[in-house]
PDB file of N, CA and C in Angstrom:
ATOM      1  N   MET A   1      52.859 147.576 134.368  1.00  0.00           N
ATOM      2  CA  MET A   1      54.229 148.033 134.369  1.00  0.00           C
ATOM      3  C   MET A   1      54.372 149.367 133.653  1.00  0.00           C
ATOM      4  N   LEU A   2      53.700 149.534 132.510  1.00  0.00           N
ATOM      5  CA  LEU A   2      53.846 150.777 131.768  1.00  0.00           C
ATOM      6  C   LEU A   2      53.323 151.969 132.557  1.00  0.00           C
ATOM      7  N   VAL A   3      52.242 151.759 133.293  1.00  0.00           N
ATOM      8  CA  VAL A   3      51.710 152.832 134.132  1.00  0.00           C
ATOM      9  C   VAL A   3      52.706 153.150 135.240  1.00  0.00           C
ATOM     10  N   LYS A   4      53.233 152.132 135.871  1.00  0.00           N
ATOM     11  CA  LYS A   4      54.184 152.317 136.977  1.00  0.00           C
ATOM     12  C   LYS A   4      55.453 153.029 136.500  1.00  0.00           C
ATOM     13  N   LYS A   5      55.886 152.730 135.275  1.00  0.00           N
ATOM     14  CA  LYS A   5      57.091 153.353 134.724  1.00  0.00           C
ATOM     15  C   LYS A   5      56.823 154.736 134.137  1.00  0.00           C
ATOM     16  N   GLY A   6      55.536 155.136 134.093  1.00  0.00           N
ATOM     17  CA  GLY A   6      55.194 156.438 133.537  1.00  0.00           C
ATOM     18  C   GLY A   6      55.142 156.463 132.025  1.00  0.00           C
ATOM     19  N   ARG A   7      55.159 155.305 131.383  1.00  0.00           N
ATOM     20  CA  ARG A   7      55.118 155.225 129.923  1.00  0.00           C
ATOM     21  C   ARG A   7      53.689 155.178 129.389  1.00  0.00           C
ATOM     22  N   LEU A   8      52.733 154.964 130.282  1.00  0.00           N
ATOM     23  CA  LEU A   8      51.319 154.951 129.914  1.00  0.00           C
ATOM     24  C   LEU A   8      50.573 155.756 130.969  1.00  0.00           C
ATOM     25  N   LEU A   9      49.887 156.796 130.522  1.00  0.00           N
ATOM     26  CA  LEU A   9      49.144 157.646 131.441  1.00  0.00           C
ATOM     27  C   LEU A   9      47.657 157.359 131.286  1.00  0.00           C
ATOM     28  N   LEU A  10      46.991 157.080 132.386  1.00  0.00           N
ATOM     29  CA  LEU A  10      45.563 156.793 132.381  1.00  0.00           C
ATOM     30  C   LEU A  10      44.824 157.921 133.085  1.00  0.00           C
ATOM     31  N   THR A  11      43.597 158.165 132.643  1.00  0.00           N
ATOM     32  CA  THR A  11      42.786 159.198 133.291  1.00  0.00           C
ATOM     33  C   THR A  11      41.983 158.623 134.444  1.00  0.00           C
ATOM     34  N   TRP A  12      41.950 157.305 134.593  1.00  0.00           N
ATOM     35  CA  TRP A  12      41.255 156.620 135.679  1.00  0.00           C
ATOM     36  C   TRP A  12      42.288 155.853 136.498  1.00  0.00           C
ATOM     37  N   PRO A  13      41.954 155.503 137.716  1.00  0.00           N
ATOM     38  CA  PRO A  13      42.829 154.593 138.470  1.00  0.00           C
ATOM     39  C   PRO A  13      42.975 153.274 137.694  1.00  0.00           C
ATOM     40  N   LEU A  14      44.138 152.665 137.771  1.00  0.00           N
ATOM     41  CA  LEU A  14      44.438 151.468 136.988  1.00  0.00           C
ATOM     42  C   LEU A  14      43.388 150.374 137.157  1.00  0.00           C
ATOM     43  N   GLU A  15      43.010 150.067 138.390  1.00  0.00           N
ATOM     44  CA  GLU A  15      42.036 148.989 138.621  1.00  0.00           C
ATOM     45  C   GLU A  15      40.704 149.299 137.935  1.00  0.00           C
ATOM     46  N   GLU A  16      40.264 150.532 137.999  1.00  0.00           N
ATOM     47  CA  GLU A  16      39.010 150.930 137.362  1.00  0.00           C
ATOM     48  C   GLU A  16      39.119 150.832 135.839  1.00  0.00           C
ATOM     49  N   TRP A  17      40.268 151.235 135.300  1.00  0.00           N
ATOM     50  CA  TRP A  17      40.499 151.179 133.855  1.00  0.00           C
ATOM     51  C   TRP A  17      40.464 149.727 133.360  1.00  0.00           C
ATOM     52  N   VAL A  18      41.149 148.841 134.078  1.00  0.00           N
ATOM     53  CA  VAL A  18      41.177 147.430 133.681  1.00  0.00           C
ATOM     54  C   VAL A  18      39.773 146.833 133.709  1.00  0.00           C
ATOM     55  N   ARG A  19      39.021 147.103 134.762  1.00  0.00           N
ATOM     56  CA  ARG A  19      37.647 146.584 134.844  1.00  0.00           C
ATOM     57  C   ARG A  19      36.794 147.098 133.689  1.00  0.00           C
ATOM     58  N   ALA A  20      36.924 148.378 133.365  1.00  0.00           N
ATOM     59  CA  ALA A  20      36.145 148.965 132.269  1.00  0.00           C
ATOM     60  C   ALA A  20      36.526 148.349 130.924  1.00  0.00           C
ATOM     61  N   MET A  21      37.811 148.128 130.700  1.00  0.00           N
ATOM     62  CA  MET A  21      38.253 147.562 129.420  1.00  0.00           C
ATOM     63  C   MET A  21      37.741 146.129 129.245  1.00  0.00           C
ATOM     64  N   PHE A  22      37.773 145.346 130.310  1.00  0.00           N
ATOM     65  CA  PHE A  22      37.298 143.967 130.211  1.00  0.00           C
ATOM     66  C   PHE A  22      35.785 143.885 130.096  1.00  0.00           C
ATOM     67  N   ALA A  23      35.082 144.945 130.478  1.00  0.00           N
ATOM     68  CA  ALA A  23      33.622 144.976 130.371  1.00  0.00           C
ATOM     69  C   ALA A  23      33.155 145.576 129.050  1.00  0.00           C
ATOM     70  N   ALA A  24      34.074 146.095 128.250  1.00  0.00           N
ATOM     71  CA  ALA A  24      33.705 146.744 126.992  1.00  0.00           C
ATOM     72  C   ALA A  24      33.127 145.735 125.997  1.00  0.00           C
ATOM     73  N   PRO A  25      32.165 146.166 125.189  1.00  0.00           N
ATOM     74  CA  PRO A  25      31.579 145.270 124.186  1.00  0.00           C
ATOM     75  C   PRO A  25      32.641 144.715 123.245  1.00  0.00           C
ATOM     76  N   GLY A  26      32.560 143.434 122.970  1.00  0.00           N
ATOM     77  CA  GLY A  26      33.478 142.786 122.040  1.00  0.00           C
ATOM     78  C   GLY A  26      34.782 142.311 122.643  1.00  0.00           C
ATOM     79  N   VAL A  27      35.059 142.662 123.872  1.00  0.00           N
ATOM     80  CA  VAL A  27      36.305 142.236 124.512  1.00  0.00           C
ATOM     81  C   VAL A  27      36.080 140.870 125.147  1.00  0.00           C
ATOM     82  N   VAL A  28      36.946 139.938 124.814  1.00  0.00           N
ATOM     83  CA  VAL A  28      36.868 138.596 125.385  1.00  0.00           C
ATOM     84  C   VAL A  28      38.232 138.235 125.954  1.00  0.00           C
ATOM     85  N   THR A  29      38.234 137.372 126.942  1.00  0.00           N
ATOM     86  CA  THR A  29      39.498 136.855 127.442  1.00  0.00           C
ATOM     87  C   THR A  29      39.798 135.559 126.703  1.00  0.00           C
ATOM     88  N   ALA A  30      41.048 135.323 126.443  1.00  0.00           N
ATOM     89  CA  ALA A  30      41.456 134.160 125.667  1.00  0.00           C
ATOM     90  C   ALA A  30      42.288 133.227 126.530  1.00  0.00           C
ATOM     91  N   ALA A  31      41.923 131.970 126.541  1.00  0.00           N
ATOM     92  CA  ALA A  31      42.685 130.965 127.276  1.00  0.00           C
ATOM     93  C   ALA A  31      43.929 130.573 126.485  1.00  0.00           C
ATOM     94  N   ILE A  32      45.013 130.341 127.184  1.00  0.00           N
ATOM     95  CA  ILE A  32      46.218 129.829 126.534  1.00  0.00           C
ATOM     96  C   ILE A  32      46.147 128.310 126.607  1.00  0.00           C
ATOM     97  N   THR A  33      45.880 127.712 125.488  1.00  0.00           N
ATOM     98  CA  THR A  33      45.739 126.262 125.414  1.00  0.00           C
ATOM     99  C   THR A  33      47.093 125.611 125.159  1.00  0.00           C
ATOM    100  N   PRO A  34      47.175 124.288 125.320  1.00  0.00           N
ATOM    101  CA  PRO A  34      48.429 123.608 124.966  1.00  0.00           C
ATOM    102  C   PRO A  34      48.816 123.849 123.508  1.00  0.00           C
ATOM    103  N   ALA A  35      47.833 123.900 122.613  1.00  0.00           N
ATOM    104  CA  ALA A  35      48.130 124.141 121.192  1.00  0.00           C
ATOM    105  C   ALA A  35      48.723 125.528 120.988  1.00  0.00           C
ATOM    106  N   ILE A  36      48.193 126.525 121.688  1.00  0.00           N
ATOM    107  CA  ILE A  36      48.734 127.882 121.572  1.00  0.00           C
ATOM    108  C   ILE A  36      50.160 127.926 122.121  1.00  0.00           C
ATOM    109  N   ALA A  37      50.411 127.273 123.241  1.00  0.00           N
ATOM    110  CA  ALA A  37      51.763 127.232 123.809  1.00  0.00           C
ATOM    111  C   ALA A  37      52.740 126.587 122.834  1.00  0.00           C
ATOM    112  N   LEU A  38      52.320 125.514 122.202  1.00  0.00           N
ATOM    113  CA  LEU A  38      53.173 124.844 121.211  1.00  0.00           C
ATOM    114  C   LEU A  38      53.417 125.751 120.013  1.00  0.00           C
ATOM    115  N   ASN A  39      52.351 126.402 119.523  1.00  0.00           N
ATOM    116  CA  ASN A  39      52.502 127.301 118.377  1.00  0.00           C
ATOM    117  C   ASN A  39      53.414 128.477 118.705  1.00  0.00           C
ATOM    118  N   ALA A  40      53.367 128.964 119.944  1.00  0.00           N
ATOM    119  CA  ALA A  40      54.242 130.072 120.345  1.00  0.00           C
ATOM    120  C   ALA A  40      55.709 129.681 120.218  1.00  0.00           C
ATOM    121  N   ALA A  41      55.997 128.417 120.456  1.00  0.00           N
ATOM    122  CA  ALA A  41      57.379 127.927 120.354  1.00  0.00           C
ATOM    123  C   ALA A  41      57.781 127.614 118.923  1.00  0.00           C
ATOM    124  N   GLN A  42      56.792 127.545 118.017  1.00  0.00           N
ATOM    125  CA  GLN A  42      57.070 127.144 116.632  1.00  0.00           C
ATOM    126  C   GLN A  42      56.536 128.149 115.616  1.00  0.00           C
ATOM    127  N   LEU A  43      56.539 129.426 115.955  1.00  0.00           N
ATOM    128  CA  LEU A  43      56.046 130.440 115.029  1.00  0.00           C
ATOM    129  C   LEU A  43      56.888 130.457 113.758  1.00  0.00           C
ATOM    130  N   PRO A  44      56.256 130.651 112.607  1.00  0.00           N
ATOM    131  CA  PRO A  44      57.013 130.692 111.349  1.00  0.00           C
ATOM    132  C   PRO A  44      57.835 131.972 111.231  1.00  0.00           C
ATOM    133  N   GLY A  45      58.820 131.932 110.360  1.00  0.00           N
ATOM    134  CA  GLY A  45      59.632 133.113 110.118  1.00  0.00           C
ATOM    135  C   GLY A  45      60.562 133.412 111.276  1.00  0.00           C
ATOM    136  N   SER A  46      60.794 134.694 111.501  1.00  0.00           N
ATOM    137  CA  SER A  46      61.679 135.146 112.574  1.00  0.00           C
ATOM    138  C   SER A  46      60.861 135.932 113.596  1.00  0.00           C
ATOM    139  N   PRO A  47      60.200 135.219 114.510  1.00  0.00           N
ATOM    140  CA  PRO A  47      59.344 135.898 115.492  1.00  0.00           C
ATOM    141  C   PRO A  47      60.162 136.661 116.530  1.00  0.00           C
ATOM    142  N   PRO A  48      59.500 137.569 117.254  1.00  0.00           N
ATOM    143  CA  PRO A  48      60.201 138.280 118.334  1.00  0.00           C
ATOM    144  C   PRO A  48      60.785 137.294 119.336  1.00  0.00           C
ATOM    145  N   ARG A  49      61.857 137.687 119.992  1.00  0.00           N
ATOM    146  CA  ARG A  49      62.517 136.805 120.962  1.00  0.00           C
ATOM    147  C   ARG A  49      61.780 136.752 122.293  1.00  0.00           C
ATOM    148  N   ASP A  50      61.037 137.806 122.620  1.00  0.00           N
ATOM    149  CA  ASP A  50      60.337 137.885 123.910  1.00  0.00           C
ATOM    150  C   ASP A  50      59.265 136.797 123.984  1.00  0.00           C
ATOM    151  N   PRO A  51      59.360 135.887 124.951  1.00  0.00           N
ATOM    152  CA  PRO A  51      58.376 134.807 125.061  1.00  0.00           C
ATOM    153  C   PRO A  51      56.940 135.322 125.226  1.00  0.00           C
ATOM    154  N   ALA A  52      56.758 136.419 125.939  1.00  0.00           N
ATOM    155  CA  ALA A  52      55.401 136.972 126.113  1.00  0.00           C
ATOM    156  C   ALA A  52      54.840 137.437 124.776  1.00  0.00           C
ATOM    157  N   ASP A  53      55.681 138.062 123.955  1.00  0.00           N
ATOM    158  CA  ASP A  53      55.230 138.497 122.628  1.00  0.00           C
ATOM    159  C   ASP A  53      54.842 137.292 121.773  1.00  0.00           C
ATOM    160  N   ARG A  54      55.614 136.228 121.871  1.00  0.00           N
ATOM    161  CA  ARG A  54      55.322 135.021 121.083  1.00  0.00           C
ATOM    162  C   ARG A  54      53.987 134.408 121.513  1.00  0.00           C
ATOM    163  N   ILE A  55      53.710 134.415 122.811  1.00  0.00           N
ATOM    164  CA  ILE A  55      52.430 133.889 123.302  1.00  0.00           C
ATOM    165  C   ILE A  55      51.289 134.779 122.813  1.00  0.00           C
ATOM    166  N   LEU A  56      51.478 136.098 122.854  1.00  0.00           N
ATOM    167  CA  LEU A  56      50.446 137.005 122.347  1.00  0.00           C
ATOM    168  C   LEU A  56      50.185 136.762 120.861  1.00  0.00           C
ATOM    169  N   ILE A  57      51.223 136.588 120.090  1.00  0.00           N
ATOM    170  CA  ILE A  57      51.079 136.353 118.650  1.00  0.00           C
ATOM    171  C   ILE A  57      50.343 135.042 118.398  1.00  0.00           C
ATOM    172  N   ALA A  58      50.760 133.981 119.057  1.00  0.00           N
ATOM    173  CA  ALA A  58      50.116 132.675 118.862  1.00  0.00           C
ATOM    174  C   ALA A  58      48.657 132.706 119.306  1.00  0.00           C
ATOM    175  N   THR A  59      48.373 133.403 120.384  1.00  0.00           N
ATOM    176  CA  THR A  59      46.992 133.502 120.883  1.00  0.00           C
ATOM    177  C   THR A  59      46.131 134.286 119.903  1.00  0.00           C
ATOM    178  N   ALA A  60      46.630 135.428 119.445  1.00  0.00           N
ATOM    179  CA  ALA A  60      45.871 136.229 118.483  1.00  0.00           C
ATOM    180  C   ALA A  60      45.622 135.451 117.202  1.00  0.00           C
ATOM    181  N   ALA A  61      46.626 134.732 116.733  1.00  0.00           N
ATOM    182  CA  ALA A  61      46.459 133.935 115.508  1.00  0.00           C
ATOM    183  C   ALA A  61      45.409 132.847 115.709  1.00  0.00           C
ATOM    184  N   ALA A  62      45.424 132.189 116.850  1.00  0.00           N
ATOM    185  CA  ALA A  62      44.469 131.114 117.115  1.00  0.00           C
ATOM    186  C   ALA A  62      43.036 131.629 117.201  1.00  0.00           C
ATOM    187  N   TYR A  63      42.857 132.821 117.741  1.00  0.00           N
ATOM    188  CA  TYR A  63      41.524 133.389 117.911  1.00  0.00           C
ATOM    189  C   TYR A  63      41.112 134.281 116.738  1.00  0.00           C
ATOM    190  N   GLY A  64      41.991 134.464 115.757  1.00  0.00           N
ATOM    191  CA  GLY A  64      41.685 135.332 114.628  1.00  0.00           C
ATOM    192  C   GLY A  64      41.572 136.794 115.036  1.00  0.00           C
ATOM    193  N   ALA A  65      42.312 137.171 116.052  1.00  0.00           N
ATOM    194  CA  ALA A  65      42.253 138.537 116.587  1.00  0.00           C
ATOM    195  C   ALA A  65      43.450 139.349 116.105  1.00  0.00           C
ATOM    196  N   ALA A  66      43.301 140.653 116.154  1.00  0.00           N
ATOM    197  CA  ALA A  66      44.405 141.556 115.844  1.00  0.00           C
ATOM    198  C   ALA A  66      45.032 142.024 117.153  1.00  0.00           C
ATOM    199  N   ILE A  67      46.313 142.345 117.089  1.00  0.00           N
ATOM    200  CA  ILE A  67      47.035 142.878 118.243  1.00  0.00           C
ATOM    201  C   ILE A  67      47.212 144.376 118.024  1.00  0.00           C
ATOM    202  N   LEU A  68      46.804 145.159 118.985  1.00  0.00           N
ATOM    203  CA  LEU A  68      46.999 146.602 118.965  1.00  0.00           C
ATOM    204  C   LEU A  68      48.267 146.877 119.763  1.00  0.00           C
ATOM    205  N   THR A  69      49.310 147.388 119.090  1.00  0.00           N
ATOM    206  CA  THR A  69      50.610 147.504 119.747  1.00  0.00           C
ATOM    207  C   THR A  69      51.461 148.618 119.164  1.00  0.00           C
ATOM    208  N   ARG A  70      52.442 149.027 119.951  1.00  0.00           N
ATOM    209  CA  ARG A  70      53.498 149.927 119.480  1.00  0.00           C
ATOM    210  C   ARG A  70      54.814 149.166 119.347  1.00  0.00           C
ATOM    211  N   ASP A  71      54.801 147.904 119.708  1.00  0.00           N
ATOM    212  CA  ASP A  71      56.018 147.095 119.717  1.00  0.00           C
ATOM    213  C   ASP A  71      56.518 146.897 118.282  1.00  0.00           C
ATOM    214  N   LYS A  72      57.687 147.443 118.004  1.00  0.00           N
ATOM    215  CA  LYS A  72      58.217 147.391 116.639  1.00  0.00           C
ATOM    216  C   LYS A  72      58.511 145.965 116.170  1.00  0.00           C
ATOM    217  N   ALA A  73      58.977 145.111 117.071  1.00  0.00           N
ATOM    218  CA  ALA A  73      59.280 143.732 116.680  1.00  0.00           C
ATOM    219  C   ALA A  73      58.011 142.988 116.280  1.00  0.00           C
ATOM    220  N   MET A  74      56.926 143.192 117.027  1.00  0.00           N
ATOM    221  CA  MET A  74      55.666 142.525 116.695  1.00  0.00           C
ATOM    222  C   MET A  74      55.095 143.081 115.386  1.00  0.00           C
ATOM    223  N   LEU A  75      55.155 144.396 115.202  1.00  0.00           N
ATOM    224  CA  LEU A  75      54.652 145.001 113.969  1.00  0.00           C
ATOM    225  C   LEU A  75      55.450 144.513 112.761  1.00  0.00           C
ATOM    226  N   HIS A  76      56.766 144.453 112.907  1.00  0.00           N
ATOM    227  CA  HIS A  76      57.612 143.970 111.817  1.00  0.00           C
ATOM    228  C   HIS A  76      57.298 142.501 111.499  1.00  0.00           C
ATOM    229  N   TYR A  77      57.157 141.690 112.533  1.00  0.00           N
ATOM    230  CA  TYR A  77      56.858 140.263 112.325  1.00  0.00           C
ATOM    231  C   TYR A  77      55.538 140.101 111.580  1.00  0.00           C
ATOM    232  N   ALA A  78      54.523 140.835 111.995  1.00  0.00           N
ATOM    233  CA  ALA A  78      53.210 140.731 111.351  1.00  0.00           C
ATOM    234  C   ALA A  78      53.292 141.117 109.881  1.00  0.00           C
ATOM    235  N   LYS A  79      53.996 142.193 109.597  1.00  0.00           N
ATOM    236  CA  LYS A  79      54.129 142.648 108.209  1.00  0.00           C
ATOM    237  C   LYS A  79      54.943 141.678 107.364  1.00  0.00           C
ATOM    238  N   ALA A  80      56.012 141.140 107.954  1.00  0.00           N
ATOM    239  CA  ALA A  80      56.910 140.250 107.215  1.00  0.00           C
ATOM    240  C   ALA A  80      56.289 138.888 106.927  1.00  0.00           C
ATOM    241  N   THR A  81      55.455 138.394 107.853  1.00  0.00           N
ATOM    242  CA  THR A  81      54.952 137.024 107.702  1.00  0.00           C
ATOM    243  C   THR A  81      53.476 136.930 107.358  1.00  0.00           C
ATOM    244  N   GLY A  82      52.682 137.921 107.759  1.00  0.00           N
ATOM    245  CA  GLY A  82      51.236 137.828 107.578  1.00  0.00           C
ATOM    246  C   GLY A  82      50.607 136.783 108.476  1.00  0.00           C
ATOM    247  N   HIS A  83      51.367 136.267 109.433  1.00  0.00           N
ATOM    248  CA  HIS A  83      50.875 135.205 110.321  1.00  0.00           C
ATOM    249  C   HIS A  83      49.843 135.722 111.317  1.00  0.00           C
ATOM    250  N   VAL A  84      49.942 137.001 111.649  1.00  0.00           N
ATOM    251  CA  VAL A  84      49.028 137.618 112.626  1.00  0.00           C
ATOM    252  C   VAL A  84      48.799 139.061 112.183  1.00  0.00           C
ATOM    253  N   ARG A  85      47.643 139.607 112.560  1.00  0.00           N
ATOM    254  CA  ARG A  85      47.361 141.007 112.254  1.00  0.00           C
ATOM    255  C   ARG A  85      47.769 141.857 113.452  1.00  0.00           C
ATOM    256  N   CYS A  86      48.597 142.869 113.176  1.00  0.00           N
ATOM    257  CA  CYS A  86      48.988 143.832 114.195  1.00  0.00           C
ATOM    258  C   CYS A  86      48.609 145.221 113.701  1.00  0.00           C
ATOM    259  N   VAL A  87      48.039 146.006 114.590  1.00  0.00           N
ATOM    260  CA  VAL A  87      47.652 147.371 114.281  1.00  0.00           C
ATOM    261  C   VAL A  87      48.518 148.299 115.121  1.00  0.00           C
ATOM    262  N   ALA A  88      49.201 149.221 114.455  1.00  0.00           N
ATOM    263  CA  ALA A  88      50.058 150.168 115.175  1.00  0.00           C
ATOM    264  C   ALA A  88      49.201 151.207 115.880  1.00  0.00           C
ATOM    265  N   CYS A  89      49.604 151.546 117.079  1.00  0.00           N
ATOM    266  CA  CYS A  89      48.879 152.596 117.813  1.00  0.00           C
ATOM    267  C   CYS A  89      49.849 153.642 118.313  1.00  0.00           C
TER     268      CYS A  89
END
């Protein structure tokens, strides 16, 4: 969506970029388990209202991963609660 809206500019075609990113060392895909879905609905503090953001937060917390984002709500939540690591980009 960000590419289509012109908010993200890529130097490669989107399909090629996605394939390259998923093939990069250290990149893993994460399954959304029932526990992650439940945790997304029960995040501590005042989590972002966007359901997709809540799923990302719960998934990152479950896998011990950091979220690389510009989303102010996610960055604020991470700083306020320490529940998940978010890195501003």
